[in-house]
Amino acid sequence: MERNRQDREGTRRKEVHTVGSRGSGISRRDFLKTGARIAVGGVAGLSLAGSSHGEAGRKSRVVLVRNRGVIDAQDRIRPAALGEMLDGAVAALLDERDPASAWKRIASPGDVVGIKTNVWHYLPTPEPLNEILKERLIGAGVARENVSADDRGVLANPVFRRSTALVNVRPMRTHYWAGLGSLIKNYIMFVPRPSDYHDNACEPLGAIWNLPHVKGKTRLNVLVMITPLFHGTGPHHYSPQYLWPYCGLIVSKDPVAADATGARIIEAKRRAYFGEDRPISPNPRHIVVAGSRYGLGRSRPEEIEIVRLGWNEDSLV
């Protein structure tokens, strides 16, 4: 994977400080002091027709945090940098100065928390991220035996079966049936027959979020954009040439807004790589429908507020 190792010192956007150059230390204070709120741009391939869910005039907050030092020269995760990114994002999401206080607003001692991860072997949720999430939840007071990370076994997992809260975490990638493997799609394992939700490019995926064992439980969504997959053809497609070191996380309470932001980044990368508009195929309509039909959040650019933290070069949104 080609890596652009040039630092662009002084890159700024609406008071955002560029931090996180490889090899440099980033203090928690620096992370929490940075951040700016802007509306995301349009997407050529993601239809935004229809209305989004939410009160008029309200916006969904999405935190985009990036640190080019989160992976090393061999694209291995640096857990300390990843933990710092996540802490900064959660604090910014909830307007807390102290990450520990922010995590206590995600979960409390009485909660039972399932971390819905993703185990697709080519590009799984990084195991260090699963472990960091467990540590933060336990640090917030949740009993160790009441925290579990799982994907394909969630329906049988005893922690998930009695869960009071969910944390949703997965990498963004192109997908043969759904257009994109998204946060919305990550809950497909909460149903016994996932194929029932494959119609029309997986359009009805949002319905899963309204099932009794899922509805209202999700406290945090983390879309992993460390090395996203932006192109592929055929079932289970994967090619390392279509990964790139974006070195980011997208964090939100709103899965629709997080997915829509990630989709716009993928579209922009495809334009840059191919030198022309190359819409995601099939259209990941399930993201918009999750908001307009199932009331899960907002997808329109004007309804999304992005808080930026860290490295801002080539953010594509």
Protein backbone atom coordinates (compact mmCIF):
# COMPACT_ATOMS: atom_id res chain seq x y z
CA MET A 1 0.00 0.00 0.00
CA GLU A 2 1.44 3.30 -1.09
CA ARG A 3 1.63 5.77 1.75
CA ASN A 4 1.96 9.51 1.47
CA ARG A 5 4.53 10.30 4.15
CA GLN A 6 4.70 14.05 3.58
CA ASP A 7 3.49 16.20 6.42
CA ARG A 8 1.58 19.28 5.44
CA GLU A 9 2.44 21.53 8.33
CA GLY A 10 -0.05 24.24 9.02
CA THR A 11 -3.02 22.53 7.40
CA ARG A 12 -6.10 24.09 8.98
CA ARG A 13 -9.82 24.07 8.41
CA LYS A 14 -12.04 26.23 10.56
CA GLU A 15 -9.58 26.32 13.48
CA VAL A 16 -8.75 22.60 13.24
CA HIS A 17 -5.16 21.93 14.24
CA THR A 18 -3.34 19.24 12.30
CA VAL A 19 -1.85 16.83 14.81
CA GLY A 20 -0.88 13.21 14.72
CA SER A 21 2.06 13.13 12.31
CA ARG A 22 3.79 9.77 12.38
CA GLY A 23 6.32 9.47 15.15
CA SER A 24 5.08 12.48 17.08
CA GLY A 25 3.27 12.31 20.42
CA ILE A 26 -0.22 13.73 20.77
CA SER A 27 -1.49 14.73 24.14
CA ARG A 28 -5.07 14.06 25.17
CA ARG A 29 -5.41 17.78 25.80
CA ASP A 30 -4.39 18.54 22.19
CA PHE A 31 -6.98 16.10 20.92
CA LEU A 32 -9.77 17.57 22.98
CA LYS A 33 -8.84 21.13 22.09
CA THR A 34 -9.10 20.49 18.33
CA GLY A 35 -12.33 20.15 16.35
CA ALA A 36 -14.59 22.09 14.02
CA ARG A 37 -18.14 21.63 12.91
CA ILE A 38 -19.04 21.75 9.22
CA ALA A 39 -21.69 20.25 6.98
CA VAL A 40 -20.67 17.36 4.77
CA GLY A 41 -20.75 17.65 0.97
CA GLY A 42 -22.91 15.80 -1.51
CA VAL A 43 -22.35 12.37 -2.96
CA ALA A 44 -22.77 11.50 -6.59
CA GLY A 45 -23.84 7.89 -6.06
CA LEU A 46 -25.78 8.09 -2.80
CA SER A 47 -29.31 9.27 -3.41
CA LEU A 48 -30.49 11.68 -0.73
CA ALA A 49 -34.07 11.82 -1.89
CA GLY A 50 -36.72 11.63 0.78
CA SER A 51 -36.86 12.99 4.26
CA SER A 52 -34.59 12.17 7.17
CA HIS A 53 -35.72 11.37 10.66
CA GLY A 54 -35.40 14.05 13.31
CA GLU A 55 -36.67 17.39 14.45
CA ALA A 56 -36.49 20.21 11.94
CA GLY A 57 -33.41 22.35 12.43
CA ARG A 58 -31.59 19.72 14.49
CA LYS A 59 -28.34 18.19 13.32
CA SER A 60 -26.69 14.86 14.03
CA ARG A 61 -23.14 15.16 15.29
CA VAL A 62 -20.46 13.01 13.72
CA VAL A 63 -16.86 13.06 14.94
CA LEU A 64 -14.19 12.37 12.33
CA VAL A 65 -10.88 11.66 14.06
CA ARG A 66 -7.68 10.84 12.17
CA ASN A 67 -4.12 10.11 13.20
CA ARG A 68 -1.60 9.01 10.61
CA GLY A 69 0.41 7.40 13.42
CA VAL A 70 -2.35 4.89 14.24
CA ILE A 71 -0.67 2.34 11.95
CA ASP A 72 3.00 1.63 11.48
CA ALA A 73 4.95 1.13 8.26
CA GLN A 74 3.59 -2.44 8.01
CA ASP A 75 0.02 -1.23 8.54
CA ARG A 76 -0.17 -2.71 12.03
CA ILE A 77 -2.39 -0.99 14.57
CA ARG A 78 -0.74 1.05 17.32
CA PRO A 79 -3.15 0.48 20.22
CA ALA A 80 -2.08 3.53 22.26
CA ALA A 81 -2.76 5.87 19.34
CA LEU A 82 -6.05 4.13 18.58
CA GLY A 83 -7.20 4.47 22.18
CA GLU A 84 -6.35 8.15 22.16
CA MET A 85 -8.36 8.63 18.97
CA LEU A 86 -11.40 6.89 20.40
CA ASP A 87 -11.25 8.76 23.71
CA GLY A 88 -10.97 12.09 21.95
CA ALA A 89 -13.86 11.29 19.63
CA VAL A 90 -16.22 10.16 22.42
CA ALA A 91 -15.39 13.23 24.51
CA ALA A 92 -15.99 15.55 21.54
CA LEU A 93 -19.21 13.76 20.64
CA LEU A 94 -20.64 14.39 24.11
CA ASP A 95 -19.02 17.80 24.76
CA GLU A 96 -17.02 16.45 27.67
CA ARG A 97 -13.53 17.68 28.52
CA ASP A 98 -12.62 14.44 30.24
CA PRO A 99 -12.92 11.15 28.28
CA ALA A 100 -13.62 9.19 31.48
CA SER A 101 -16.69 11.35 32.09
CA ALA A 102 -17.80 10.81 28.51
CA TRP A 103 -17.56 7.03 28.79
CA LYS A 104 -19.70 7.13 31.93
CA ARG A 105 -22.42 8.67 29.76
CA ILE A 106 -22.15 5.77 27.31
CA ALA A 107 -22.58 3.05 29.94
CA SER A 108 -23.10 2.73 33.69
CA PRO A 109 -22.53 0.01 36.32
CA GLY A 110 -26.01 -1.44 35.87
CA ASP A 111 -25.61 -2.03 32.14
CA VAL A 112 -24.97 -5.25 30.25
CA VAL A 113 -23.16 -4.29 27.03
CA GLY A 114 -22.78 -6.17 23.77
CA ILE A 115 -20.11 -4.90 21.40
CA LYS A 116 -21.32 -5.80 17.91
CA THR A 117 -18.10 -6.26 16.02
CA ASN A 118 -17.38 -7.66 12.55
CA VAL A 119 -15.21 -10.69 11.81
CA TRP A 120 -15.00 -10.69 7.98
CA HIS A 121 -11.53 -12.21 7.68
CA TYR A 122 -10.14 -9.86 5.03
CA LEU A 123 -11.00 -6.68 6.93
CA PRO A 124 -12.33 -7.37 10.44
CA THR A 125 -12.87 -4.91 13.23
CA PRO A 126 -9.33 -4.54 14.64
CA GLU A 127 -8.98 -6.68 17.75
CA PRO A 128 -7.15 -3.86 19.59
CA LEU A 129 -10.26 -1.73 19.10
CA ASN A 130 -12.52 -4.43 20.54
CA GLU A 131 -10.22 -4.62 23.56
CA ILE A 132 -10.11 -0.85 24.02
CA LEU A 133 -13.90 -0.70 23.95
CA LYS A 134 -14.11 -3.42 26.60
CA GLU A 135 -11.59 -1.57 28.77
CA ARG A 136 -13.43 1.72 28.50
CA LEU A 137 -16.79 0.17 29.35
CA ILE A 138 -15.34 -1.64 32.34
CA GLY A 139 -13.66 1.61 33.36
CA ALA A 140 -17.09 3.26 33.27
CA GLY A 141 -18.27 0.76 35.87
CA VAL A 142 -19.72 -2.10 33.82
CA ALA A 143 -18.87 -5.49 35.33
CA ARG A 144 -16.34 -7.44 33.25
CA GLU A 145 -18.71 -10.39 32.95
CA ASN A 146 -21.34 -8.03 31.54
CA VAL A 147 -19.27 -6.99 28.50
CA SER A 148 -18.83 -9.15 25.40
CA ALA A 149 -17.73 -8.59 21.80
CA ASP A 150 -19.32 -10.83 19.17
CA ASP A 151 -20.51 -10.93 15.58
CA ARG A 152 -21.98 -14.10 14.17
CA GLY A 153 -22.89 -15.53 17.55
CA VAL A 154 -24.87 -12.61 18.96
CA LEU A 155 -28.22 -14.42 19.00
CA ALA A 156 -26.81 -17.14 21.26
CA ASN A 157 -24.37 -15.02 23.27
CA PRO A 158 -25.68 -14.76 26.87
CA VAL A 159 -24.42 -11.19 27.30
CA PHE A 160 -26.22 -10.04 24.15
CA ARG A 161 -29.35 -11.95 25.11
CA ARG A 162 -29.66 -9.93 28.33
CA SER A 163 -28.03 -6.74 27.06
CA THR A 164 -29.27 -3.31 28.07
CA ALA A 165 -26.86 -1.50 25.72
CA LEU A 166 -25.01 -2.06 22.45
CA VAL A 167 -21.88 -0.57 20.93
CA ASN A 168 -21.68 -0.95 17.15
CA VAL A 169 -18.20 -1.10 15.57
CA ARG A 170 -17.08 -2.22 12.12
CA PRO A 171 -14.83 -1.26 9.17
CA MET A 172 -16.27 0.50 6.11
CA ARG A 173 -15.95 -1.45 2.87
CA THR A 174 -17.64 -1.91 -0.46
CA HIS A 175 -20.11 -4.78 -0.51
CA TYR A 176 -21.51 -6.93 -3.31
CA TRP A 177 -25.15 -6.95 -2.15
CA ALA A 178 -25.50 -3.75 -0.12
CA GLY A 179 -23.09 -1.42 -1.93
CA LEU A 180 -21.35 -0.74 1.37
CA GLY A 181 -20.70 -2.76 4.48
CA SER A 182 -22.00 -0.16 6.91
CA LEU A 183 -22.96 0.35 10.53
CA ILE A 184 -26.59 -0.16 9.56
CA LYS A 185 -25.71 -3.44 7.88
CA ASN A 186 -23.62 -4.62 10.83
CA TYR A 187 -26.78 -5.59 12.73
CA ILE A 188 -27.81 -8.20 10.15
CA MET A 189 -26.59 -10.95 12.49
CA PHE A 190 -29.35 -10.03 14.95
CA VAL A 191 -31.79 -11.97 12.74
CA PRO A 192 -31.81 -15.75 12.16
CA ARG A 193 -32.18 -15.44 8.37
CA PRO A 194 -29.98 -12.58 7.09
CA SER A 195 -30.90 -13.38 3.49
CA ASP A 196 -34.42 -12.11 4.23
CA TYR A 197 -32.94 -8.59 4.22
CA HIS A 198 -31.02 -8.79 0.91
CA ASP A 199 -33.81 -7.56 -1.37
CA ASN A 200 -33.23 -4.42 -3.45
CA ALA A 201 -29.59 -3.94 -2.42
CA CYS A 202 -30.42 -4.74 1.23
CA GLU A 203 -32.83 -1.82 1.41
CA PRO A 204 -34.78 -3.12 4.46
CA LEU A 205 -31.76 -3.46 6.77
CA GLY A 206 -33.00 -0.59 8.95
CA ALA A 207 -35.95 -2.71 10.03
CA ILE A 208 -33.59 -4.90 12.09
CA TRP A 209 -32.81 -1.94 14.33
CA ASN A 210 -36.47 -1.75 15.34
CA LEU A 211 -36.75 -5.37 16.47
CA PRO A 212 -37.49 -5.73 20.21
CA HIS A 213 -34.09 -7.22 21.16
CA VAL A 214 -32.25 -4.34 19.42
CA LYS A 215 -34.47 -1.26 19.45
CA GLY A 216 -33.20 1.69 21.45
CA LYS A 217 -30.13 -0.10 22.84
CA THR A 218 -27.34 1.37 20.72
CA ARG A 219 -25.27 3.85 22.73
CA LEU A 220 -22.36 4.39 20.32
CA ASN A 221 -21.48 3.76 16.68
CA VAL A 222 -17.86 3.53 15.53
CA LEU A 223 -17.22 3.28 11.79
CA VAL A 224 -13.63 2.12 11.32
CA MET A 225 -11.91 4.07 8.53
CA ILE A 226 -8.31 3.06 9.24
CA THR A 227 -7.77 1.19 5.95
CA PRO A 228 -11.17 1.23 4.18
CA LEU A 229 -11.91 -0.86 1.08
CA PHE A 230 -13.20 1.48 -1.63
CA HIS A 231 -13.69 -0.81 -4.63
CA GLY A 232 -14.28 -4.42 -5.67
CA THR A 233 -16.42 -6.64 -7.87
CA GLY A 234 -18.18 -9.92 -7.18
CA PRO A 235 -19.20 -11.66 -3.95
CA HIS A 236 -16.68 -11.44 -1.10
CA HIS A 237 -14.41 -9.24 -3.20
CA TYR A 238 -11.15 -8.07 -1.71
CA SER A 239 -7.96 -6.65 -3.16
CA PRO A 240 -5.27 -4.82 -1.16
CA GLN A 241 -4.81 -2.38 -4.02
CA TYR A 242 -8.20 -0.87 -3.11
CA LEU A 243 -7.31 -0.22 0.52
CA TRP A 244 -5.78 3.06 1.59
CA PRO A 245 -4.42 4.43 4.89
CA TYR A 246 -7.15 6.90 5.76
CA CYS A 247 -6.23 6.39 9.43
CA GLY A 248 -9.60 7.46 10.81
CA LEU A 249 -12.64 6.66 12.89
CA ILE A 250 -16.14 8.08 12.44
CA VAL A 251 -18.00 8.16 15.76
CA SER A 252 -21.64 9.11 16.32
CA LYS A 253 -24.83 8.34 18.20
CA ASP A 254 -26.54 8.41 14.78
CA PRO A 255 -25.63 5.39 12.59
CA VAL A 256 -27.22 6.92 9.50
CA ALA A 257 -25.19 10.11 9.73
CA ALA A 258 -21.99 8.15 10.37
CA ASP A 259 -22.63 5.84 7.41
CA ALA A 260 -23.57 8.73 5.11
CA THR A 261 -20.34 10.51 6.00
CA GLY A 262 -18.31 7.36 5.39
CA ALA A 263 -20.08 6.83 2.07
CA ARG A 264 -19.16 10.31 0.92
CA ILE A 265 -15.52 9.65 1.74
CA ILE A 266 -15.60 6.38 -0.22
CA GLU A 267 -17.21 8.13 -3.21
CA ALA A 268 -14.59 10.87 -3.13
CA LYS A 269 -11.78 8.32 -2.99
CA ARG A 270 -13.23 6.48 -5.97
CA ARG A 271 -13.33 9.71 -7.99
CA ALA A 272 -9.74 10.49 -7.06
CA TYR A 273 -8.51 6.97 -7.83
CA PHE A 274 -10.36 6.37 -11.11
CA GLY A 275 -10.22 9.96 -12.40
CA GLU A 276 -13.96 10.04 -13.01
CA ASP A 277 -17.27 9.55 -11.21
CA ARG A 278 -17.53 5.87 -10.38
CA PRO A 279 -20.66 5.53 -8.19
CA ILE A 280 -20.78 2.76 -5.64
CA SER A 281 -22.65 -0.21 -7.11
CA PRO A 282 -25.18 -1.17 -6.07
CA ASN A 283 -26.31 2.13 -4.64
CA PRO A 284 -26.12 1.80 -0.82
CA ARG A 285 -29.72 2.96 -0.54
CA HIS A 286 -30.16 1.17 2.76
CA ILE A 287 -28.39 4.09 4.47
CA VAL A 288 -30.89 6.72 3.37
CA VAL A 289 -33.85 4.36 3.82
CA ALA A 290 -32.74 3.64 7.38
CA GLY A 291 -33.44 7.29 8.12
CA SER A 292 -36.41 8.07 5.92
CA ARG A 293 -38.37 4.84 6.42
CA TYR A 294 -37.14 3.44 9.73
CA GLY A 295 -36.41 6.63 11.65
CA LEU A 296 -32.83 5.77 12.61
CA GLY A 297 -31.14 9.09 11.85
CA ARG A 298 -30.19 11.74 9.32
CA SER A 299 -28.41 11.34 5.99
CA ARG A 300 -28.77 14.77 4.37
CA PRO A 301 -25.58 16.86 4.31
CA GLU A 302 -27.31 19.89 5.77
CA GLU A 303 -28.48 17.80 8.73
CA ILE A 304 -25.03 16.52 9.71
CA GLU A 305 -22.46 18.36 11.80
CA ILE A 306 -18.90 17.08 11.51
CA VAL A 307 -16.44 17.62 14.35
CA ARG A 308 -12.91 17.11 13.05
CA LEU A 309 -10.04 15.98 15.24
CA GLY A 310 -6.43 15.38 14.31
CA TRP A 311 -4.85 14.95 10.90
CA ASN A 312 -6.86 16.72 8.21
CA GLU A 313 -4.88 16.18 5.00
CA ASP A 314 -6.88 14.51 2.20
CA SER A 315 -9.90 14.02 4.44
CA LEU A 316 -12.12 13.90 1.29
CA VAL A 317 -15.16 15.35 3.06
